[in-house]
C-alpha atoms as a PDB file:
ATOM      1  CA  MET A   1      15.307  54.080-138.772  1.00  0.00           C
ATOM      2  CA  PHE A   2      12.728  52.119-136.823  1.00  0.00           C
ATOM      3  CA  ARG A   3      13.410  48.944-134.825  1.00  0.00           C
ATOM      4  CA  ASP A   4      10.241  45.972-135.018  1.00  0.00           C
ATOM      5  CA  MET A   5      10.112  46.159-131.440  1.00  0.00           C
ATOM      6  CA  ASN A   6       8.059  43.178-132.018  1.00  0.00           C
ATOM      7  CA  ASN A   7      10.945  41.542-133.588  1.00  0.00           C
ATOM      8  CA  PRO A   8      12.649  39.152-130.858  1.00  0.00           C
ATOM      9  CA  CYS A   9      15.666  39.476-133.132  1.00  0.00           C
ATOM     10  CA  ASN A  10      15.473  43.428-132.418  1.00  0.00           C
ATOM     11  CA  GLN A  11      14.863  42.971-128.622  1.00  0.00           C
ATOM     12  CA  TRP A  12      17.582  42.942-125.947  1.00  0.00           C
ATOM     13  CA  VAL A  13      15.212  40.852-123.420  1.00  0.00           C
ATOM     14  CA  LYS A  14      16.749  39.760-120.168  1.00  0.00           C
ATOM     15  CA  LYS A  15      14.455  38.190-118.491  1.00  0.00           C
ATOM     16  CA  ASN A  16      12.588  36.112-121.267  1.00  0.00           C
ATOM     17  CA  ILE A  17      14.289  35.981-124.591  1.00  0.00           C
ATOM     18  CA  LEU A  18      18.240  35.038-124.595  1.00  0.00           C
ATOM     19  CA  LYS A  19      19.893  36.716-127.799  1.00  0.00           C
ATOM     20  CA  GLN A  20      23.024  36.086-129.396  1.00  0.00           C
ATOM     21  CA  GLN A  21      24.443  37.004-132.606  1.00  0.00           C
ATOM     22  CA  TYR A  22      27.087  35.390-134.901  1.00  0.00           C
ATOM     23  CA  ASN A  23      27.629  37.460-138.003  1.00  0.00           C
ATOM     24  CA  GLU A  24      23.803  36.882-139.548  1.00  0.00           C
ATOM     25  CA  PHE A  25      22.611  35.019-137.405  1.00  0.00           C
ATOM     26  CA  CYS A  26      19.432  36.021-135.048  1.00  0.00           C
ATOM     27  CA  ILE A  27      19.260  33.538-132.137  1.00  0.00           C
ATOM     28  CA  VAL A  28      16.143  33.444-129.703  1.00  0.00           C
ATOM     29  CA  SER A  29      15.621  30.686-127.098  1.00  0.00           C
ATOM     30  CA  TYR A  30      13.336  30.818-124.245  1.00  0.00           C
ATOM     31  CA  SER A  31      13.244  29.920-120.684  1.00  0.00           C
ATOM     32  CA  PHE A  32      10.424  28.076-118.885  1.00  0.00           C
ATOM     33  CA  GLU A  33      11.142  30.055-115.935  1.00  0.00           C
ATOM     34  CA  ASP A  34      10.480  33.521-117.519  1.00  0.00           C
ATOM     35  CA  THR A  35       7.349  32.888-120.637  1.00  0.00           C
ATOM     36  CA  ASP A  36       5.286  30.071-121.943  1.00  0.00           C
ATOM     37  CA  ARG A  37       6.726  30.803-125.086  1.00  0.00           C
ATOM     38  CA  CYS A  38       8.273  28.202-127.147  1.00  0.00           C
ATOM     39  CA  LEU A  39       9.826  27.716-130.440  1.00  0.00           C
ATOM     40  CA  LEU A  40      11.152  25.230-132.719  1.00  0.00           C
ATOM     41  CA  THR A  41      15.005  24.046-131.610  1.00  0.00           C
ATOM     42  CA  SER A  42      17.116  23.331-134.187  1.00  0.00           C
ATOM     43  CA  SER A  43      18.838  20.026-134.748  1.00  0.00           C
ATOM     44  CA  THR A  44      22.086  19.573-135.128  1.00  0.00           C
ATOM     45  CA  SER A  45      24.664  16.723-135.700  1.00  0.00           C
ATOM     46  CA  GLU A  46      25.092  14.076-133.248  1.00  0.00           C
ATOM     47  CA  GLY A  47      29.048  14.272-133.074  1.00  0.00           C
ATOM     48  CA  PRO A  48      31.398  11.402-133.265  1.00  0.00           C
ATOM     49  CA  PHE A  49      31.098  10.413-128.885  1.00  0.00           C
ATOM     50  CA  TYR A  50      27.500   9.304-128.559  1.00  0.00           C
ATOM     51  CA  LEU A  51      27.080   6.274-126.141  1.00  0.00           C
ATOM     52  CA  LYS A  52      23.671   4.589-126.148  1.00  0.00           C
ATOM     53  CA  ASN A  53      22.049   2.907-123.049  1.00  0.00           C
ATOM     54  CA  SER A  54      23.414   5.865-121.159  1.00  0.00           C
ATOM     55  CA  MET A  55      22.384   5.429-116.976  1.00  0.00           C
ATOM     56  CA  ILE A  56      19.038   6.463-115.853  1.00  0.00           C
ATOM     57  CA  ARG A  57      20.644   9.465-113.308  1.00  0.00           C
ATOM     58  CA  LYS A  58      20.634  12.358-112.957  1.00  0.00           C
ATOM     59  CA  ASP A  59      23.897  13.068-111.042  1.00  0.00           C
ATOM     60  CA  VAL A  60      26.271  12.720-114.207  1.00  0.00           C
ATOM     61  CA  ARG A  61      29.184  13.995-112.654  1.00  0.00           C
ATOM     62  CA  GLU A  62      31.216  11.257-111.273  1.00  0.00           C
ATOM     63  CA  ASP A  63      34.626  11.719-110.417  1.00  0.00           C
ATOM     64  CA  GLN A  64      34.754  15.335-112.305  1.00  0.00           C
ATOM     65  CA  TYR A  65      35.890  18.436-111.148  1.00  0.00           C
ATOM     66  CA  GLY A  66      34.679  21.329-112.868  1.00  0.00           C
ATOM     67  CA  VAL A  67      31.907  24.119-112.061  1.00  0.00           C
ATOM     68  CA  ASP A  68      28.663  22.280-111.567  1.00  0.00           C
ATOM     69  CA  LEU A  69      25.325  22.990-113.304  1.00  0.00           C
ATOM     70  CA  LEU A  70      21.929  21.833-112.647  1.00  0.00           C
ATOM     71  CA  LEU A  71      20.090  21.850-116.151  1.00  0.00           C
ATOM     72  CA  ARG A  72      16.505  22.102-116.102  1.00  0.00           C
ATOM     73  CA  LEU A  73      14.840  21.482-119.506  1.00  0.00           C
ATOM     74  CA  ARG A  74      11.113  21.554-120.724  1.00  0.00           C
ATOM     75  CA  VAL A  75      10.349  19.454-123.996  1.00  0.00           C
ATOM     76  CA  VAL A  76       7.287  20.463-125.535  1.00  0.00           C
ATOM     77  CA  ASP A  77       4.798  20.050-128.574  1.00  0.00           C
ATOM     78  CA  VAL A  78       5.998  23.539-130.572  1.00  0.00           C
ATOM     79  CA  LYS A  79       2.075  22.823-131.683  1.00  0.00           C
ATOM     80  CA  GLY A  80       0.636  24.430-128.906  1.00  0.00           C
ATOM     81  CA  CYS A  81       3.517  24.484-126.311  1.00  0.00           C
ATOM     82  CA  ARG A  82       2.317  21.836-124.350  1.00  0.00           C
ATOM     83  CA  PRO A  83       4.766  19.725-122.403  1.00  0.00           C
ATOM     84  CA  ILE A  84       5.419  16.061-123.373  1.00  0.00           C
ATOM     85  CA  CYS A  85       5.556  13.448-120.619  1.00  0.00           C
ATOM     86  CA  GLY A  86       7.507  10.190-121.045  1.00  0.00           C
ATOM     87  CA  LEU A  87      10.057  11.302-123.802  1.00  0.00           C
ATOM     88  CA  ALA A  88      13.932  10.011-122.590  1.00  0.00           C
ATOM     89  CA  VAL A  89      16.362  12.574-123.036  1.00  0.00           C
ATOM     90  CA  ASP A  90      19.811  11.820-122.879  1.00  0.00           C
ATOM     91  CA  ILE A  91      22.799  14.677-122.340  1.00  0.00           C
ATOM     92  CA  TRP A  92      26.641  13.605-122.238  1.00  0.00           C
ATOM     93  CA  ASN A  93      29.372  16.368-122.557  1.00  0.00           C
ATOM     94  CA  SER A  94      33.162  16.750-122.047  1.00  0.00           C
ATOM     95  CA  ASN A  95      34.998  17.701-119.091  1.00  0.00           C
ATOM     96  CA  ALA A  96      37.292  20.009-118.262  1.00  0.00           C
ATOM     97  CA  CYS A  97      39.920  19.014-120.360  1.00  0.00           C
ATOM     98  CA  GLY A  98      37.729  18.396-123.280  1.00  0.00           C
ATOM     99  CA  VAL A  99      37.384  14.669-122.888  1.00  0.00           C
ATOM    100  CA  TYR A 100      34.210  12.430-123.269  1.00  0.00           C
ATOM    101  CA  SER A 101      33.755   8.824-121.075  1.00  0.00           C
ATOM    102  CA  GLY A 102      34.348   6.217-123.388  1.00  0.00           C
ATOM    103  CA  PHE A 103      36.620   7.886-125.653  1.00  0.00           C
ATOM    104  CA  SER A 104      39.723   9.332-123.800  1.00  0.00           C
ATOM    105  CA  GLY A 105      41.837   7.478-125.991  1.00  0.00           C
ATOM    106  CA  TYR A 106      41.598  10.373-128.379  1.00  0.00           C
ATOM    107  CA  GLU A 107      43.891  13.276-128.382  1.00  0.00           C
ATOM    108  CA  ASN A 108      41.594  16.582-129.046  1.00  0.00           C
ATOM    109  CA  SER A 109      44.365  17.625-132.015  1.00  0.00           C
ATOM    110  CA  SER A 110      44.078  14.238-133.913  1.00  0.00           C
ATOM    111  CA  PHE A 111      40.421  14.200-134.170  1.00  0.00           C
ATOM    112  CA  ALA A 112      39.102  14.759-137.538  1.00  0.00           C
ATOM    113  CA  PRO A 113      35.461  16.561-138.168  1.00  0.00           C
ATOM    114  CA  GLY A 114      32.787  14.295-139.228  1.00  0.00           C
ATOM    115  CA  GLN A 115      35.244  11.053-138.088  1.00  0.00           C
ATOM    116  CA  THR A 116      33.087   8.441-136.509  1.00  0.00           C
ATOM    117  CA  ALA A 117      34.923   7.813-132.638  1.00  0.00           C
ATOM    118  CA  THR A 118      35.605   4.122-131.818  1.00  0.00           C
ATOM    119  CA  PRO A 119      35.128   4.027-127.730  1.00  0.00           C
ATOM    120  CA  THR A 120      38.778   3.353-126.206  1.00  0.00           C
ATOM    121  CA  ASP A 121      37.364   2.756-122.679  1.00  0.00           C
ATOM    122  CA  HIS A 122      34.158   1.759-120.456  1.00  0.00           C
ATOM    123  CA  LYS A 123      34.068   5.204-118.319  1.00  0.00           C
ATOM    124  CA  THR A 124      30.778   6.903-118.182  1.00  0.00           C
ATOM    125  CA  PHE A 125      30.923  10.381-116.361  1.00  0.00           C
ATOM    126  CA  LEU A 126      29.281  13.234-117.121  1.00  0.00           C
ATOM    127  CA  ARG A 127      26.491  11.141-119.378  1.00  0.00           C
ATOM    128  CA  GLY A 128      23.103  10.380-118.386  1.00  0.00           C
ATOM    129  CA  ARG A 129      19.422  10.176-119.352  1.00  0.00           C
ATOM    130  CA  GLN A 130      16.056  10.907-117.618  1.00  0.00           C
ATOM    131  CA  PHE A 131      12.728  10.661-118.417  1.00  0.00           C
ATOM    132  CA  THR A 132      10.217  13.674-118.864  1.00  0.00           C
ATOM    133  CA  ASP A 133       7.379  13.988-116.318  1.00  0.00           C
ATOM    134  CA  VAL A 134       4.019  15.532-116.505  1.00  0.00           C
ATOM    135  CA  ASN A 135       5.419  18.896-117.389  1.00  0.00           C
ATOM    136  CA  GLY A 136       7.881  17.941-119.559  1.00  0.00           C
ATOM    137  CA  MET A 137      10.434  18.898-117.164  1.00  0.00           C
ATOM    138  CA  VAL A 138      14.318  16.570-116.726  1.00  0.00           C
ATOM    139  CA  GLU A 139      17.060  17.788-114.263  1.00  0.00           C
ATOM    140  CA  PHE A 140      20.556  16.937-114.919  1.00  0.00           C
ATOM    141  CA  LEU A 141      23.663  17.928-112.582  1.00  0.00           C
ATOM    142  CA  THR A 142      27.056  17.880-114.844  1.00  0.00           C
ATOM    143  CA  ILE A 143      29.588  20.349-114.983  1.00  0.00           C
ATOM    144  CA  ILE A 144      30.696  22.954-117.330  1.00  0.00           C
ATOM    145  CA  PRO A 145      32.073  21.434-120.119  1.00  0.00           C
ATOM    146  CA  ALA A 146      35.523  22.812-121.842  1.00  0.00           C
ATOM    147  CA  TRP A 147      36.323  23.410-125.440  1.00  0.00           C
ATOM    148  CA  TYR A 148      38.776  20.414-127.570  1.00  0.00           C
ATOM    149  CA  HIS A 149      39.603  20.448-131.164  1.00  0.00           C
ATOM    150  CA  LEU A 150      37.136  22.331-133.448  1.00  0.00           C
ATOM    151  CA  ARG A 151      34.691  23.176-130.776  1.00  0.00           C
ATOM    152  CA  THR A 152      33.329  25.699-128.509  1.00  0.00           C
ATOM    153  CA  PRO A 153      31.856  24.513-125.355  1.00  0.00           C
ATOM    154  CA  HIS A 154      28.766  22.718-125.657  1.00  0.00           C
ATOM    155  CA  ILE A 155      26.080  19.853-124.374  1.00  0.00           C
ATOM    156  CA  HIS A 156      25.035  17.284-126.728  1.00  0.00           C
ATOM    157  CA  ILE A 157      21.273  16.767-125.938  1.00  0.00           C
ATOM    158  CA  LYS A 158      19.099  13.985-127.846  1.00  0.00           C
ATOM    159  CA  ILE A 159      15.385  13.213-127.465  1.00  0.00           C
ATOM    160  CA  ILE A 160      13.968   9.758-127.840  1.00  0.00           C
ATOM    161  CA  ASP A 161      10.102   8.933-127.918  1.00  0.00           C
ATOM    162  CA  GLY A 162      10.559   4.370-127.703  1.00  0.00           C
ATOM    163  CA  LEU A 163      12.834   4.057-130.826  1.00  0.00           C
ATOM    164  CA  LYS A 164      11.869   6.803-132.437  1.00  0.00           C
ATOM    165  CA  GLU A 165      14.375   9.624-132.538  1.00  0.00           C
ATOM    166  CA  ILE A 166      12.772  12.858-131.662  1.00  0.00           C
ATOM    167  CA  LEU A 167      15.522  15.683-132.160  1.00  0.00           C
ATOM    168  CA  THR A 168      19.226  15.825-131.746  1.00  0.00           C
ATOM    169  CA  THR A 169      20.616  18.964-131.003  1.00  0.00           C
ATOM    170  CA  GLN A 170      23.278  20.571-129.074  1.00  0.00           C
ATOM    171  CA  LEU A 171      23.253  23.637-126.226  1.00  0.00           C
ATOM    172  CA  PHE A 172      25.429  26.035-126.006  1.00  0.00           C
ATOM    173  CA  PHE A 173      26.456  29.215-123.634  1.00  0.00           C
ATOM    174  CA  PRO A 174      27.268  32.964-123.479  1.00  0.00           C
ATOM    175  CA  GLN A 175      30.596  33.911-124.998  1.00  0.00           C
ATOM    176  CA  GLU A 176      31.700  36.021-121.472  1.00  0.00           C
ATOM    177  CA  LEU A 177      30.215  33.032-119.438  1.00  0.00           C
ATOM    178  CA  THR A 178      33.072  30.459-121.213  1.00  0.00           C
ATOM    179  CA  TYR A 179      36.070  33.416-120.676  1.00  0.00           C
ATOM    180  CA  GLU A 180      34.804  33.415-116.868  1.00  0.00           C
ATOM    181  CA  ILE A 181      34.675  29.422-116.831  1.00  0.00           C
ATOM    182  CA  GLU A 182      37.914  29.290-117.997  1.00  0.00           C
ATOM    183  CA  SER A 183      39.569  31.591-115.563  1.00  0.00           C
ATOM    184  CA  LEU A 184      38.889  28.880-112.945  1.00  0.00           C
ATOM    185  CA  PRO A 185      40.302  26.154-111.854  1.00  0.00           C
ATOM    186  CA  PRO A 186      40.781  22.988-113.216  1.00  0.00           C
ATOM    187  CA  TYR A 187      39.362  24.825-117.134  1.00  0.00           C
ATOM    188  CA  ASN A 188      42.607  27.377-116.535  1.00  0.00           C
ATOM    189  CA  SER A 189      45.342  24.469-116.480  1.00  0.00           C
ATOM    190  CA  ARG A 190      44.707  25.058-120.176  1.00  0.00           C
ATOM    191  CA  GLN A 191      45.403  27.252-122.926  1.00  0.00           C
ATOM    192  CA  LEU A 192      42.691  29.988-123.717  1.00  0.00           C
ATOM    193  CA  SER A 193      40.111  28.417-126.144  1.00  0.00           C
ATOM    194  CA  PRO A 194      40.980  29.116-129.791  1.00  0.00           C
ATOM    195  CA  TYR A 195      37.680  27.615-130.619  1.00  0.00           C
ATOM    196  CA  ILE A 196      34.634  30.453-129.792  1.00  0.00           C
ATOM    197  CA  ASN A 197      30.928  30.816-130.658  1.00  0.00           C
ATOM    198  CA  GLU A 198      31.654  33.069-133.497  1.00  0.00           C
ATOM    199  CA  ASN A 199      34.093  30.328-135.015  1.00  0.00           C
ATOM    200  CA  ASP A 200      32.588  27.212-134.055  1.00  0.00           C
ATOM    201  CA  PHE A 201      31.502  25.205-137.371  1.00  0.00           C
ATOM    202  CA  VAL A 202      28.305  23.258-135.774  1.00  0.00           C
ATOM    203  CA  LEU A 203      27.413  26.979-134.755  1.00  0.00           C
ATOM    204  CA  THR A 204      27.721  28.116-138.191  1.00  0.00           C
ATOM    205  CA  LEU A 205      26.322  25.073-140.021  1.00  0.00           C
ATOM    206  CA  SER A 206      23.222  25.648-137.872  1.00  0.00           C
ATOM    207  CA  HIS A 207      22.848  28.987-138.438  1.00  0.00           C
ATOM    208  CA  GLY A 208      23.166  29.840-135.213  1.00  0.00           C
ATOM    209  CA  VAL A 209      21.215  26.649-133.423  1.00  0.00           C
ATOM    210  CA  GLN A 210      17.725  28.140-132.580  1.00  0.00           C
ATOM    211  CA  GLY A 211      16.365  27.654-129.145  1.00  0.00           C
ATOM    212  CA  GLY A 212      19.405  26.085-128.149  1.00  0.00           C
ATOM    213  CA  TRP A 213      20.535  28.745-125.545  1.00  0.00           C
ATOM    214  CA  PRO A 214      20.274  27.883-121.963  1.00  0.00           C
ATOM    215  CA  LYS A 215      19.194  31.077-119.117  1.00  0.00           C
ATOM    216  CA  PHE A 216      22.259  30.618-116.928  1.00  0.00           C
ATOM    217  CA  THR A 217      21.727  32.099-113.236  1.00  0.00           C
ATOM    218  CA  LYS A 218      24.971  31.945-111.183  1.00  0.00           C
ATOM    219  CA  TRP A 219      24.081  30.366-107.473  1.00  0.00           C
ATOM    220  CA  GLY A 220      27.860  30.885-106.584  1.00  0.00           C
ATOM    221  CA  GLU A 221      31.589  30.987-107.504  1.00  0.00           C
ATOM    222  CA  ARG A 222      31.235  27.138-108.577  1.00  0.00           C
ATOM    223  CA  TYR A 223      27.616  26.828-109.268  1.00  0.00           C
ATOM    224  CA  TYR A 224      25.505  27.282-112.036  1.00  0.00           C
ATOM    225  CA  MET A 225      21.631  26.648-113.094  1.00  0.00           C
ATOM    226  CA  GLY A 226      20.435  26.490-116.963  1.00  0.00           C
ATOM    227  CA  THR A 227      16.848  26.372-117.784  1.00  0.00           C
ATOM    228  CA  LEU A 228      15.261  25.985-121.091  1.00  0.00           C
ATOM    229  CA  THR A 229      12.626  25.453-122.956  1.00  0.00           C
ATOM    230  CA  ILE A 230      13.030  22.494-125.895  1.00  0.00           C
ATOM    231  CA  GLY A 231      10.679  22.438-128.490  1.00  0.00           C
ATOM    232  CA  VAL A 232      10.068  19.529-130.844  1.00  0.00           C
ATOM    233  CA  ASP A 233       8.105  18.995-133.816  1.00  0.00           C
ATOM    234  CA  TYR A 234       6.046  15.786-131.627  1.00  0.00           C
ATOM    235  CA  GLY A 235       4.378  14.453-134.480  1.00  0.00           C
ATOM    236  CA  ASN A 236       7.681  14.112-136.625  1.00  0.00           C
ATOM    237  CA  THR A 237      10.228  11.026-136.671  1.00  0.00           C
ATOM    238  CA  LEU A 238      13.554  12.115-137.212  1.00  0.00           C
ATOM    239  CA  MET A 239      16.232  10.067-139.456  1.00  0.00           C
ATOM    240  CA  PRO A 240      19.199   9.297-137.232  1.00  0.00           C
ATOM    241  CA  SER A 241      21.414  12.377-137.518  1.00  0.00           C
ATOM    242  CA  PRO A 242      24.873  12.878-139.309  1.00  0.00           C
ATOM    243  CA  LYS A 243      28.321  12.351-137.736  1.00  0.00           C
ATOM    244  CA  SER A 244      30.109  15.415-136.815  1.00  0.00           C
ATOM    245  CA  ASN A 245      32.307  16.909-134.065  1.00  0.00           C
END
């Protein structure tokens, strides 16, 4: 039997397509580093830990220690893959202990899926907002997050145009990279994660999250760069997304 090599799901391409397989899912993402191609990025749940009015800043780390990640995102209209200028891009992710700022009073094991969290503190680490430039680009300096109850490591993204929500999604890491990060301090102060990409319920419900897998380049033992093209249907306005983890 011959594979259709024009189908990106049948290609193992190092440069311009990142492929991940989870059971029946075929996942494709594009990085602007390697190609001008784009696809419509899957939406996901917002999760319980979103806070409005994030500070406008590139470096969101504050005092959080971990493996540094320079996250470079290009937001394009999926119709023609043209960059979109002036969109607000919010990111938020957990720290190396699986804790979100604003919600440090929650213990991972006690948080129920689908529950809306009430803030417990005024901390702001690992949250920020940037606006896309004429090339559709934003950059954030964060750390690679850790797992927490029911969830594999991930980064939340919300894209807003004025008062309109354009996209809410989550970005994920190759499992091999997650294992490598978990072997380093301070991540290795916790047990190995029982939650991996293969059993993450958001990945399952969202059929693997098309377009949600950055290309990662290692710049040092404790420094990575992630690049990704995010495709949005700019002509449509999304309703607020359902709450989940």
